C-alpha atoms as a PDB file:
ATOM      1  CA  UNK A   1     196.251  68.651  28.300  1.00  0.00           C
ATOM      2  CA  UNK A   2     194.265  71.849  28.798  1.00  0.00           C
ATOM      3  CA  UNK A   3     191.444  72.344  31.265  1.00  0.00           C
ATOM      4  CA  UNK A   4     188.135  70.674  30.347  1.00  0.00           C
ATOM      5  CA  UNK A   5     185.795  73.069  28.593  1.00  0.00           C
ATOM      6  CA  UNK A   6     188.586  75.325  27.378  1.00  0.00           C
ATOM      7  CA  UNK A   7     188.096  74.073  23.828  1.00  0.00           C
ATOM      8  CA  UNK A   8     191.881  74.105  23.404  1.00  0.00           C
ATOM      9  CA  UNK A   9     192.795  70.485  23.947  1.00  0.00           C
ATOM     10  CA  UNK A  10     194.191  68.932  20.814  1.00  0.00           C
ATOM     11  CA  UNK A  11     192.238  66.046  19.322  1.00  0.00           C
ATOM     12  CA  UNK A  12     195.579  64.237  19.068  1.00  0.00           C
ATOM     13  CA  UNK A  13     195.889  64.384  22.891  1.00  0.00           C
ATOM     14  CA  UNK A  14     192.772  62.254  23.381  1.00  0.00           C
ATOM     15  CA  UNK A  15     192.865  58.457  23.588  1.00  0.00           C
ATOM     16  CA  UNK A  16     191.162  56.837  20.545  1.00  0.00           C
ATOM     17  CA  UNK A  17     187.372  56.810  20.803  1.00  0.00           C
ATOM     18  CA  UNK A  18     187.267  59.366  23.623  1.00  0.00           C
ATOM     19  CA  UNK A  19     184.582  62.052  23.368  1.00  0.00           C
ATOM     20  CA  UNK A  20     186.089  65.525  23.858  1.00  0.00           C
ATOM     21  CA  UNK A  21     184.547  68.306  25.926  1.00  0.00           C
ATOM     22  CA  UNK A  22     182.701  70.352  23.308  1.00  0.00           C
ATOM     23  CA  UNK A  23     180.915  72.724  25.697  1.00  0.00           C
ATOM     24  CA  UNK A  24     181.104  76.343  24.522  1.00  0.00           C
ATOM     25  CA  UNK A  25     182.352  75.476  21.017  1.00  0.00           C
ATOM     26  CA  UNK A  26     180.577  76.775  17.954  1.00  0.00           C
ATOM     27  CA  UNK A  27     178.531  74.191  16.080  1.00  0.00           C
ATOM     28  CA  UNK A  28     181.064  74.260  13.251  1.00  0.00           C
ATOM     29  CA  UNK A  29     184.073  73.698  15.512  1.00  0.00           C
ATOM     30  CA  UNK A  30     182.315  70.937  17.455  1.00  0.00           C
ATOM     31  CA  UNK A  31     181.359  69.055  14.277  1.00  0.00           C
ATOM     32  CA  UNK A  32     184.885  69.412  12.871  1.00  0.00           C
ATOM     33  CA  UNK A  33     186.341  68.070  16.109  1.00  0.00           C
ATOM     34  CA  UNK A  34     184.031  65.053  16.092  1.00  0.00           C
ATOM     35  CA  UNK A  35     184.753  64.312  12.425  1.00  0.00           C
ATOM     36  CA  UNK A  36     188.505  64.325  13.158  1.00  0.00           C
ATOM     37  CA  UNK A  37     187.808  61.623  15.743  1.00  0.00           C
ATOM     38  CA  UNK A  38     185.749  59.540  13.324  1.00  0.00           C
ATOM     39  CA  UNK A  39     182.486  60.420  15.073  1.00  0.00           C
ATOM     40  CA  UNK A  40     179.302  62.086  13.834  1.00  0.00           C
ATOM     41  CA  UNK A  41     177.158  64.833  15.339  1.00  0.00           C
ATOM     42  CA  UNK A  42     173.422  65.183  15.860  1.00  0.00           C
ATOM     43  CA  UNK A  43     172.617  68.850  16.336  1.00  0.00           C
ATOM     44  CA  UNK A  44     169.634  70.439  18.026  1.00  0.00           C
ATOM     45  CA  UNK A  45     169.346  74.235  17.882  1.00  0.00           C
ATOM     46  CA  UNK A  46     171.979  76.652  16.648  1.00  0.00           C
ATOM     47  CA  UNK A  47     174.874  78.603  18.076  1.00  0.00           C
ATOM     48  CA  UNK A  48     177.195  77.157  20.699  1.00  0.00           C
ATOM     49  CA  UNK A  49     177.293  73.776  22.447  1.00  0.00           C
ATOM     50  CA  UNK A  50     175.409  73.973  25.740  1.00  0.00           C
ATOM     51  CA  UNK A  51     175.269  70.222  26.414  1.00  0.00           C
ATOM     52  CA  UNK A  52     176.416  66.984  24.877  1.00  0.00           C
ATOM     53  CA  UNK A  53     175.537  63.300  25.121  1.00  0.00           C
ATOM     54  CA  UNK A  54     177.583  61.272  25.759  1.00  0.00           C
ATOM     55  CA  UNK A  55     179.587  63.445  28.120  1.00  0.00           C
ATOM     56  CA  UNK A  56     183.260  64.272  27.708  1.00  0.00           C
ATOM     57  CA  UNK A  57     185.539  61.339  28.417  1.00  0.00           C
ATOM     58  CA  UNK A  58     183.066  58.671  27.295  1.00  0.00           C
ATOM     59  CA  UNK A  59     184.337  56.019  24.891  1.00  0.00           C
ATOM     60  CA  UNK A  60     182.563  55.541  21.547  1.00  0.00           C
ATOM     61  CA  UNK A  61     183.016  53.226  18.590  1.00  0.00           C
ATOM     62  CA  UNK A  62     184.091  54.831  15.280  1.00  0.00           C
ATOM     63  CA  UNK A  63     181.102  56.271  13.425  1.00  0.00           C
ATOM     64  CA  UNK A  64     179.018  56.676  16.589  1.00  0.00           C
ATOM     65  CA  UNK A  65     177.007  59.868  17.086  1.00  0.00           C
ATOM     66  CA  UNK A  66     177.341  62.525  19.748  1.00  0.00           C
ATOM     67  CA  UNK A  67     174.168  64.569  20.370  1.00  0.00           C
ATOM     68  CA  UNK A  68     174.776  68.286  20.832  1.00  0.00           C
ATOM     69  CA  UNK A  69     172.278  70.834  22.136  1.00  0.00           C
ATOM     70  CA  UNK A  70     173.099  74.301  20.852  1.00  0.00           C
ATOM     71  CA  UNK A  71     171.995  77.767  21.896  1.00  0.00           C
ATOM     72  CA  UNK A  72     172.909  81.287  20.859  1.00  0.00           C
ATOM     73  CA  UNK A  73     173.546  82.194  24.477  1.00  0.00           C
ATOM     74  CA  UNK A  74     177.271  82.022  25.202  1.00  0.00           C
ATOM     75  CA  UNK A  75     178.090  80.693  28.665  1.00  0.00           C
ATOM     76  CA  UNK A  76     179.494  83.502  30.812  1.00  0.00           C
ATOM     77  CA  UNK A  77     178.175  86.173  28.461  1.00  0.00           C
ATOM     78  CA  UNK A  78     175.622  88.804  29.336  1.00  0.00           C
ATOM     79  CA  UNK A  79     173.913  88.768  25.964  1.00  0.00           C
ATOM     80  CA  UNK A  80     172.875  86.475  23.183  1.00  0.00           C
ATOM     81  CA  UNK A  81     175.036  86.155  20.103  1.00  0.00           C
ATOM     82  CA  UNK A  82     173.569  88.018  17.143  1.00  0.00           C
ATOM     83  CA  UNK A  83     173.189  86.047  13.890  1.00  0.00           C
END
């Protein structure tokens, strides 16, 4: 499995019901990843995932929601992402 936060770990590599590390993913990619796991997303803001609740590795029941806080500022970047 890839390093946490790399965004490269396959959903298939995660045990069932395990929340992946979504930090740094685009809103679209994060929602797609959660849907593949049978989870839903609650989004706040726009851009890239800056934080998530529950955290990566937590176990959730199918259909449960993961809250994502998004921002246009990309971690490790010197500038905001332009729309």
